[in-house]
Amino acid sequence: MRYTVVLVPDEEDGGYVAYVPSLPGVVAQGETIPEALAMAEDAAHGYVDILVKDHQEVPTEGAGVVVGSIGVMMPPLASVP
């Protein structure tokens, strides 16, 4: 099964944080994108293994999953007296 992974640069510690939105709580970190992806994959495997062992439903990603980005206009800064 394949899952979407969201990678976010870690501004504080460097590297990348990887989230798997369809698997709540699956978060991993790596110094590089490939490392973060590998860590997320490992965490996702562990998460799914626990669900299967506990006889719980394993979340799936439907065809409706869309990943994109948006732009947000920033308001002008208020002048300080």
PDB file of N, CA and C in Angstrom:
ATOM      1  N   MET A   1       0.841  -1.167   0.000  1.00  0.00           N
ATOM      2  CA  MET A   1       0.000   0.000   0.000  1.00  0.00           C
ATOM      3  C   MET A   1       0.897   1.244   0.000  1.00  0.00           C
ATOM      4  N   ARG A   2       0.460   2.269  -0.689  1.00  0.00           N
ATOM      5  CA  ARG A   2       1.248   3.499  -0.770  1.00  0.00           C
ATOM      6  C   ARG A   2       0.538   4.613  -0.013  1.00  0.00           C
ATOM      7  N   TYR A   3       1.327   5.475   0.641  1.00  0.00           N
ATOM      8  CA  TYR A   3       0.801   6.597   1.398  1.00  0.00           C
ATOM      9  C   TYR A   3       1.540   7.879   1.011  1.00  0.00           C
ATOM     10  N   THR A   4       0.817   8.977   1.063  1.00  0.00           N
ATOM     11  CA  THR A   4       1.421  10.289   0.831  1.00  0.00           C
ATOM     12  C   THR A   4       2.258  10.666   2.045  1.00  0.00           C
ATOM     13  N   VAL A   5       3.440  11.221   1.795  1.00  0.00           N
ATOM     14  CA  VAL A   5       4.315  11.719   2.847  1.00  0.00           C
ATOM     15  C   VAL A   5       4.519  13.209   2.598  1.00  0.00           C
ATOM     16  N   VAL A   6       4.354  14.006   3.645  1.00  0.00           N
ATOM     17  CA  VAL A   6       4.583  15.447   3.558  1.00  0.00           C
ATOM     18  C   VAL A   6       5.913  15.737   4.235  1.00  0.00           C
ATOM     19  N   LEU A   7       6.815  16.379   3.508  1.00  0.00           N
ATOM     20  CA  LEU A   7       8.130  16.734   4.052  1.00  0.00           C
ATOM     21  C   LEU A   7       8.178  18.233   4.309  1.00  0.00           C
ATOM     22  N   VAL A   8       8.637  18.593   5.503  1.00  0.00           N
ATOM     23  CA  VAL A   8       8.740  19.998   5.887  1.00  0.00           C
ATOM     24  C   VAL A   8      10.154  20.243   6.391  1.00  0.00           C
ATOM     25  N   PRO A   9      10.845  21.275   5.871  1.00  0.00           N
ATOM     26  CA  PRO A   9      12.164  21.579   6.409  1.00  0.00           C
ATOM     27  C   PRO A   9      12.064  21.907   7.904  1.00  0.00           C
ATOM     28  N   ASP A  10      12.985  21.373   8.671  1.00  0.00           N
ATOM     29  CA  ASP A  10      13.017  21.642  10.110  1.00  0.00           C
ATOM     30  C   ASP A  10      13.889  22.867  10.342  1.00  0.00           C
ATOM     31  N   GLU A  11      13.244  24.004  10.512  1.00  0.00           N
ATOM     32  CA  GLU A  11      13.960  25.284  10.650  1.00  0.00           C
ATOM     33  C   GLU A  11      14.828  25.313  11.904  1.00  0.00           C
ATOM     34  N   GLU A  12      14.395  24.629  12.952  1.00  0.00           N
ATOM     35  CA  GLU A  12      15.099  24.690  14.228  1.00  0.00           C
ATOM     36  C   GLU A  12      16.322  23.773  14.281  1.00  0.00           C
ATOM     37  N   ASP A  13      16.128  22.515  13.876  1.00  0.00           N
ATOM     38  CA  ASP A  13      17.191  21.518  14.015  1.00  0.00           C
ATOM     39  C   ASP A  13      17.879  21.162  12.701  1.00  0.00           C
ATOM     40  N   GLY A  14      17.350  21.662  11.571  1.00  0.00           N
ATOM     41  CA  GLY A  14      17.887  21.277  10.272  1.00  0.00           C
ATOM     42  C   GLY A  14      17.281  19.957   9.828  1.00  0.00           C
ATOM     43  N   GLY A  15      17.508  19.589   8.623  1.00  0.00           N
ATOM     44  CA  GLY A  15      16.954  18.361   8.088  1.00  0.00           C
ATOM     45  C   GLY A  15      15.496  18.530   7.726  1.00  0.00           C
ATOM     46  N   TYR A  16      14.749  17.427   7.776  1.00  0.00           N
ATOM     47  CA  TYR A  16      13.353  17.419   7.353  1.00  0.00           C
ATOM     48  C   TYR A  16      12.503  16.600   8.316  1.00  0.00           C
ATOM     49  N   VAL A  17      11.260  17.043   8.488  1.00  0.00           N
ATOM     50  CA  VAL A  17      10.273  16.289   9.249  1.00  0.00           C
ATOM     51  C   VAL A  17       9.300  15.716   8.233  1.00  0.00           C
ATOM     52  N   ALA A  18       8.976  14.440   8.370  1.00  0.00           N
ATOM     53  CA  ALA A  18       8.073  13.751   7.446  1.00  0.00           C
ATOM     54  C   ALA A  18       6.817  13.332   8.188  1.00  0.00           C
ATOM     55  N   TYR A  19       5.655  13.691   7.630  1.00  0.00           N
ATOM     56  CA  TYR A  19       4.347  13.333   8.181  1.00  0.00           C
ATOM     57  C   TYR A  19       3.628  12.425   7.192  1.00  0.00           C
ATOM     58  N   VAL A  20       2.871  11.467   7.709  1.00  0.00           N
ATOM     59  CA  VAL A  20       2.033  10.614   6.874  1.00  0.00           C
ATOM     60  C   VAL A  20       0.589  10.913   7.282  1.00  0.00           C
ATOM     61  N   PRO A  21      -0.084  11.836   6.569  1.00  0.00           N
ATOM     62  CA  PRO A  21      -1.413  12.283   7.001  1.00  0.00           C
ATOM     63  C   PRO A  21      -2.441  11.169   7.165  1.00  0.00           C
ATOM     64  N   SER A  22      -2.393  10.126   6.388  1.00  0.00           N
ATOM     65  CA  SER A  22      -3.372   9.047   6.488  1.00  0.00           C
ATOM     66  C   SER A  22      -3.118   8.125   7.677  1.00  0.00           C
ATOM     67  N   LEU A  23      -1.951   8.245   8.289  1.00  0.00           N
ATOM     68  CA  LEU A  23      -1.597   7.413   9.439  1.00  0.00           C
ATOM     69  C   LEU A  23      -1.317   8.337  10.619  1.00  0.00           C
ATOM     70  N   PRO A  24      -2.343   8.696  11.379  1.00  0.00           N
ATOM     71  CA  PRO A  24      -2.190   9.669  12.461  1.00  0.00           C
ATOM     72  C   PRO A  24      -1.068   9.291  13.430  1.00  0.00           C
ATOM     73  N   GLY A  25      -0.222  10.245  13.706  1.00  0.00           N
ATOM     74  CA  GLY A  25       0.871  10.020  14.643  1.00  0.00           C
ATOM     75  C   GLY A  25       2.154   9.536  14.005  1.00  0.00           C
ATOM     76  N   VAL A  26       2.139   9.213  12.721  1.00  0.00           N
ATOM     77  CA  VAL A  26       3.367   8.776  12.053  1.00  0.00           C
ATOM     78  C   VAL A  26       4.133  10.021  11.612  1.00  0.00           C
ATOM     79  N   VAL A  27       5.195  10.304  12.356  1.00  0.00           N
ATOM     80  CA  VAL A  27       6.050  11.454  12.097  1.00  0.00           C
ATOM     81  C   VAL A  27       7.484  10.965  12.229  1.00  0.00           C
ATOM     82  N   ALA A  28       8.330  11.397  11.317  1.00  0.00           N
ATOM     83  CA  ALA A  28       9.733  10.985  11.355  1.00  0.00           C
ATOM     84  C   ALA A  28      10.605  12.172  10.978  1.00  0.00           C
ATOM     85  N   GLN A  29      11.888  12.050  11.215  1.00  0.00           N
ATOM     86  CA  GLN A  29      12.820  13.130  10.903  1.00  0.00           C
ATOM     87  C   GLN A  29      14.094  12.550  10.330  1.00  0.00           C
ATOM     88  N   GLY A  30      14.708  13.295   9.407  1.00  0.00           N
ATOM     89  CA  GLY A  30      15.980  12.881   8.829  1.00  0.00           C
ATOM     90  C   GLY A  30      16.783  14.086   8.403  1.00  0.00           C
ATOM     91  N   GLU A  31      18.068  13.907   8.291  1.00  0.00           N
ATOM     92  CA  GLU A  31      18.954  14.997   7.875  1.00  0.00           C
ATOM     93  C   GLU A  31      18.771  15.353   6.403  1.00  0.00           C
ATOM     94  N   THR A  32      18.401  14.359   5.593  1.00  0.00           N
ATOM     95  CA  THR A  32      18.199  14.570   4.159  1.00  0.00           C
ATOM     96  C   THR A  32      16.796  14.088   3.785  1.00  0.00           C
ATOM     97  N   ILE A  33      16.343  14.458   2.590  1.00  0.00           N
ATOM     98  CA  ILE A  33      15.030  13.992   2.136  1.00  0.00           C
ATOM     99  C   ILE A  33      14.988  12.466   2.060  1.00  0.00           C
ATOM    100  N   PRO A  34      15.973  11.812   1.437  1.00  0.00           N
ATOM    101  CA  PRO A  34      15.918  10.341   1.404  1.00  0.00           C
ATOM    102  C   PRO A  34      15.915   9.710   2.806  1.00  0.00           C
ATOM    103  N   GLU A  35      16.664  10.286   3.728  1.00  0.00           N
ATOM    104  CA  GLU A  35      16.694   9.749   5.087  1.00  0.00           C
ATOM    105  C   GLU A  35      15.339   9.953   5.775  1.00  0.00           C
ATOM    106  N   ALA A  36      14.745  11.123   5.613  1.00  0.00           N
ATOM    107  CA  ALA A  36      13.431  11.387   6.210  1.00  0.00           C
ATOM    108  C   ALA A  36      12.374  10.448   5.631  1.00  0.00           C
ATOM    109  N   LEU A  37      12.428  10.203   4.322  1.00  0.00           N
ATOM    110  CA  LEU A  37      11.486   9.278   3.694  1.00  0.00           C
ATOM    111  C   LEU A  37      11.680   7.859   4.216  1.00  0.00           C
ATOM    112  N   ALA A  38      12.916   7.432   4.366  1.00  0.00           N
ATOM    113  CA  ALA A  38      13.202   6.090   4.879  1.00  0.00           C
ATOM    114  C   ALA A  38      12.712   5.944   6.315  1.00  0.00           C
ATOM    115  N   MET A  39      12.910   6.974   7.122  1.00  0.00           N
ATOM    116  CA  MET A  39      12.451   6.936   8.512  1.00  0.00           C
ATOM    117  C   MET A  39      10.922   6.919   8.571  1.00  0.00           C
ATOM    118  N   ALA A  40      10.264   7.680   7.686  1.00  0.00           N
ATOM    119  CA  ALA A  40       8.800   7.683   7.639  1.00  0.00           C
ATOM    120  C   ALA A  40       8.277   6.312   7.212  1.00  0.00           C
ATOM    121  N   GLU A  41       8.943   5.705   6.253  1.00  0.00           N
ATOM    122  CA  GLU A  41       8.537   4.374   5.801  1.00  0.00           C
ATOM    123  C   GLU A  41       8.644   3.369   6.945  1.00  0.00           C
ATOM    124  N   ASP A  42       9.741   3.435   7.682  1.00  0.00           N
ATOM    125  CA  ASP A  42       9.940   2.534   8.810  1.00  0.00           C
ATOM    126  C   ASP A  42       8.858   2.753   9.877  1.00  0.00           C
ATOM    127  N   ALA A  43       8.563   4.024  10.176  1.00  0.00           N
ATOM    128  CA  ALA A  43       7.536   4.338  11.172  1.00  0.00           C
ATOM    129  C   ALA A  43       6.164   3.867  10.700  1.00  0.00           C
ATOM    130  N   ALA A  44       5.875   4.039   9.415  1.00  0.00           N
ATOM    131  CA  ALA A  44       4.588   3.610   8.859  1.00  0.00           C
ATOM    132  C   ALA A  44       4.445   2.086   8.941  1.00  0.00           C
ATOM    133  N   HIS A  45       5.519   1.362   8.632  1.00  0.00           N
ATOM    134  CA  HIS A  45       5.482  -0.104   8.745  1.00  0.00           C
ATOM    135  C   HIS A  45       5.164  -0.523  10.180  1.00  0.00           C
ATOM    136  N   GLY A  46       5.827   0.116  11.130  1.00  0.00           N
ATOM    137  CA  GLY A  46       5.585  -0.203  12.534  1.00  0.00           C
ATOM    138  C   GLY A  46       4.150   0.093  12.944  1.00  0.00           C
ATOM    139  N   TYR A  47       3.631   1.216  12.476  1.00  0.00           N
ATOM    140  CA  TYR A  47       2.255   1.615  12.789  1.00  0.00           C
ATOM    141  C   TYR A  47       1.258   0.598  12.241  1.00  0.00           C
ATOM    142  N   VAL A  48       1.439   0.227  10.977  1.00  0.00           N
ATOM    143  CA  VAL A  48       0.534  -0.733  10.346  1.00  0.00           C
ATOM    144  C   VAL A  48       0.653  -2.104  11.016  1.00  0.00           C
ATOM    145  N   ASP A  49       1.869  -2.512  11.359  1.00  0.00           N
ATOM    146  CA  ASP A  49       2.049  -3.798  12.051  1.00  0.00           C
ATOM    147  C   ASP A  49       1.251  -3.845  13.350  1.00  0.00           C
ATOM    148  N   ILE A  50       1.285  -2.755  14.115  1.00  0.00           N
ATOM    149  CA  ILE A  50       0.545  -2.704  15.379  1.00  0.00           C
ATOM    150  C   ILE A  50      -0.956  -2.787  15.123  1.00  0.00           C
ATOM    151  N   LEU A  51      -1.437  -2.046  14.116  1.00  0.00           N
ATOM    152  CA  LEU A  51      -2.860  -2.108  13.796  1.00  0.00           C
ATOM    153  C   LEU A  51      -3.284  -3.529  13.440  1.00  0.00           C
ATOM    154  N   VAL A  52      -2.485  -4.206  12.618  1.00  0.00           N
ATOM    155  CA  VAL A  52      -2.817  -5.572  12.196  1.00  0.00           C
ATOM    156  C   VAL A  52      -2.808  -6.515  13.408  1.00  0.00           C
ATOM    157  N   LYS A  53      -1.794  -6.404  14.253  1.00  0.00           N
ATOM    158  CA  LYS A  53      -1.711  -7.271  15.435  1.00  0.00           C
ATOM    159  C   LYS A  53      -2.879  -7.039  16.383  1.00  0.00           C
ATOM    160  N   ASP A  54      -3.364  -5.787  16.442  1.00  0.00           N
ATOM    161  CA  ASP A  54      -4.497  -5.458  17.316  1.00  0.00           C
ATOM    162  C   ASP A  54      -5.843  -5.646  16.625  1.00  0.00           C
ATOM    163  N   HIS A  55      -5.821  -6.225  15.419  1.00  0.00           N
ATOM    164  CA  HIS A  55      -7.047  -6.486  14.644  1.00  0.00           C
ATOM    165  C   HIS A  55      -7.846  -5.205  14.392  1.00  0.00           C
ATOM    166  N   GLN A  56      -7.115  -4.106  14.132  1.00  0.00           N
ATOM    167  CA  GLN A  56      -7.755  -2.834  13.812  1.00  0.00           C
ATOM    168  C   GLN A  56      -7.676  -2.580  12.316  1.00  0.00           C
ATOM    169  N   GLU A  57      -8.565  -1.746  11.840  1.00  0.00           N
ATOM    170  CA  GLU A  57      -8.588  -1.415  10.410  1.00  0.00           C
ATOM    171  C   GLU A  57      -7.369  -0.581  10.037  1.00  0.00           C
ATOM    172  N   VAL A  58      -6.751  -0.926   8.932  1.00  0.00           N
ATOM    173  CA  VAL A  58      -5.598  -0.175   8.419  1.00  0.00           C
ATOM    174  C   VAL A  58      -6.117   0.902   7.475  1.00  0.00           C
ATOM    175  N   PRO A  59      -5.818   2.183   7.759  1.00  0.00           N
ATOM    176  CA  PRO A  59      -6.290   3.253   6.887  1.00  0.00           C
ATOM    177  C   PRO A  59      -5.742   3.110   5.471  1.00  0.00           C
ATOM    178  N   THR A  60      -6.563   3.487   4.512  1.00  0.00           N
ATOM    179  CA  THR A  60      -6.129   3.507   3.123  1.00  0.00           C
ATOM    180  C   THR A  60      -6.252   4.931   2.607  1.00  0.00           C
ATOM    181  N   GLU A  61      -5.565   5.193   1.540  1.00  0.00           N
ATOM    182  CA  GLU A  61      -5.683   6.482   0.865  1.00  0.00           C
ATOM    183  C   GLU A  61      -6.527   6.279  -0.366  1.00  0.00           C
ATOM    184  N   GLY A  62      -7.590   7.023  -0.471  1.00  0.00           N
ATOM    185  CA  GLY A  62      -8.445   6.921  -1.642  1.00  0.00           C
ATOM    186  C   GLY A  62      -7.873   7.680  -2.814  1.00  0.00           C
ATOM    187  N   ALA A  63      -8.510   7.518  -3.945  1.00  0.00           N
ATOM    188  CA  ALA A  63      -8.074   8.204  -5.157  1.00  0.00           C
ATOM    189  C   ALA A  63      -8.261   9.702  -5.054  1.00  0.00           C
ATOM    190  N   GLY A  64      -9.027  10.172  -4.056  1.00  0.00           N
ATOM    191  CA  GLY A  64      -9.312  11.599  -3.929  1.00  0.00           C
ATOM    192  C   GLY A  64      -8.222  12.402  -3.239  1.00  0.00           C
ATOM    193  N   VAL A  65      -7.114  11.765  -2.860  1.00  0.00           N
ATOM    194  CA  VAL A  65      -6.051  12.492  -2.172  1.00  0.00           C
ATOM    195  C   VAL A  65      -5.372  13.431  -3.149  1.00  0.00           C
ATOM    196  N   VAL A  66      -5.299  14.692  -2.754  1.00  0.00           N
ATOM    197  CA  VAL A  66      -4.663  15.709  -3.590  1.00  0.00           C
ATOM    198  C   VAL A  66      -3.623  16.434  -2.748  1.00  0.00           C
ATOM    199  N   VAL A  67      -2.450  16.604  -3.296  1.00  0.00           N
ATOM    200  CA  VAL A  67      -1.399  17.350  -2.623  1.00  0.00           C
ATOM    201  C   VAL A  67      -1.101  18.568  -3.473  1.00  0.00           C
ATOM    202  N   GLY A  68      -1.093  19.716  -2.860  1.00  0.00           N
ATOM    203  CA  GLY A  68      -0.840  20.943  -3.611  1.00  0.00           C
ATOM    204  C   GLY A  68      -0.309  22.017  -2.687  1.00  0.00           C
ATOM    205  N   SER A  69      -0.220  23.207  -3.203  1.00  0.00           N
ATOM    206  CA  SER A  69       0.218  24.335  -2.391  1.00  0.00           C
ATOM    207  C   SER A  69      -0.621  25.547  -2.744  1.00  0.00           C
ATOM    208  N   ILE A  70      -0.682  26.486  -1.820  1.00  0.00           N
ATOM    209  CA  ILE A  70      -1.434  27.713  -2.038  1.00  0.00           C
ATOM    210  C   ILE A  70      -0.557  28.900  -1.684  1.00  0.00           C
ATOM    211  N   GLY A  71      -0.890  30.039  -2.240  1.00  0.00           N
ATOM    212  CA  GLY A  71      -0.219  31.278  -1.885  1.00  0.00           C
ATOM    213  C   GLY A  71      -1.149  32.108  -1.025  1.00  0.00           C
ATOM    214  N   VAL A  72      -0.601  32.764  -0.016  1.00  0.00           N
ATOM    215  CA  VAL A  72      -1.400  33.602   0.860  1.00  0.00           C
ATOM    216  C   VAL A  72      -0.792  35.000   0.873  1.00  0.00           C
ATOM    217  N   MET A  73      -1.631  35.989   0.549  1.00  0.00           N
ATOM    218  CA  MET A  73      -1.174  37.383   0.553  1.00  0.00           C
ATOM    219  C   MET A  73      -1.004  37.834   1.989  1.00  0.00           C
ATOM    220  N   MET A  74       0.122  38.444   2.273  1.00  0.00           N
ATOM    221  CA  MET A  74       0.368  38.955   3.607  1.00  0.00           C
ATOM    222  C   MET A  74      -0.122  40.402   3.686  1.00  0.00           C
ATOM    223  N   PRO A  75      -0.859  40.749   4.742  1.00  0.00           N
ATOM    224  CA  PRO A  75      -1.314  42.131   4.872  1.00  0.00           C
ATOM    225  C   PRO A  75      -0.121  43.042   5.136  1.00  0.00           C
ATOM    226  N   PRO A  76      -0.229  44.304   4.740  1.00  0.00           N
ATOM    227  CA  PRO A  76       0.868  45.233   5.034  1.00  0.00           C
ATOM    228  C   PRO A  76       1.017  45.382   6.549  1.00  0.00           C
ATOM    229  N   LEU A  77       2.250  45.565   6.982  1.00  0.00           N
ATOM    230  CA  LEU A  77       2.512  45.748   8.407  1.00  0.00           C
ATOM    231  C   LEU A  77       1.930  47.085   8.845  1.00  0.00           C
ATOM    232  N   ALA A  78       1.314  47.100  10.020  1.00  0.00           N
ATOM    233  CA  ALA A  78       0.788  48.358  10.557  1.00  0.00           C
ATOM    234  C   ALA A  78       1.948  49.244  10.956  1.00  0.00           C
ATOM    235  N   SER A  79       1.819  50.524  10.705  1.00  0.00           N
ATOM    236  CA  SER A  79       2.899  51.438  11.084  1.00  0.00           C
ATOM    237  C   SER A  79       2.910  51.621  12.600  1.00  0.00           C
ATOM    238  N   VAL A  80       4.095  51.652  13.138  1.00  0.00           N
ATOM    239  CA  VAL A  80       4.268  51.798  14.594  1.00  0.00           C
ATOM    240  C   VAL A  80       4.465  53.281  14.882  1.00  0.00           C
ATOM    241  N   PRO A  81       3.649  53.837  15.812  1.00  0.00           N
ATOM    242  CA  PRO A  81       3.795  55.286  16.100  1.00  0.00           C
ATOM    243  C   PRO A  81       5.109  55.618  16.723  1.00  0.00           C
TER     244      PRO A  81
END
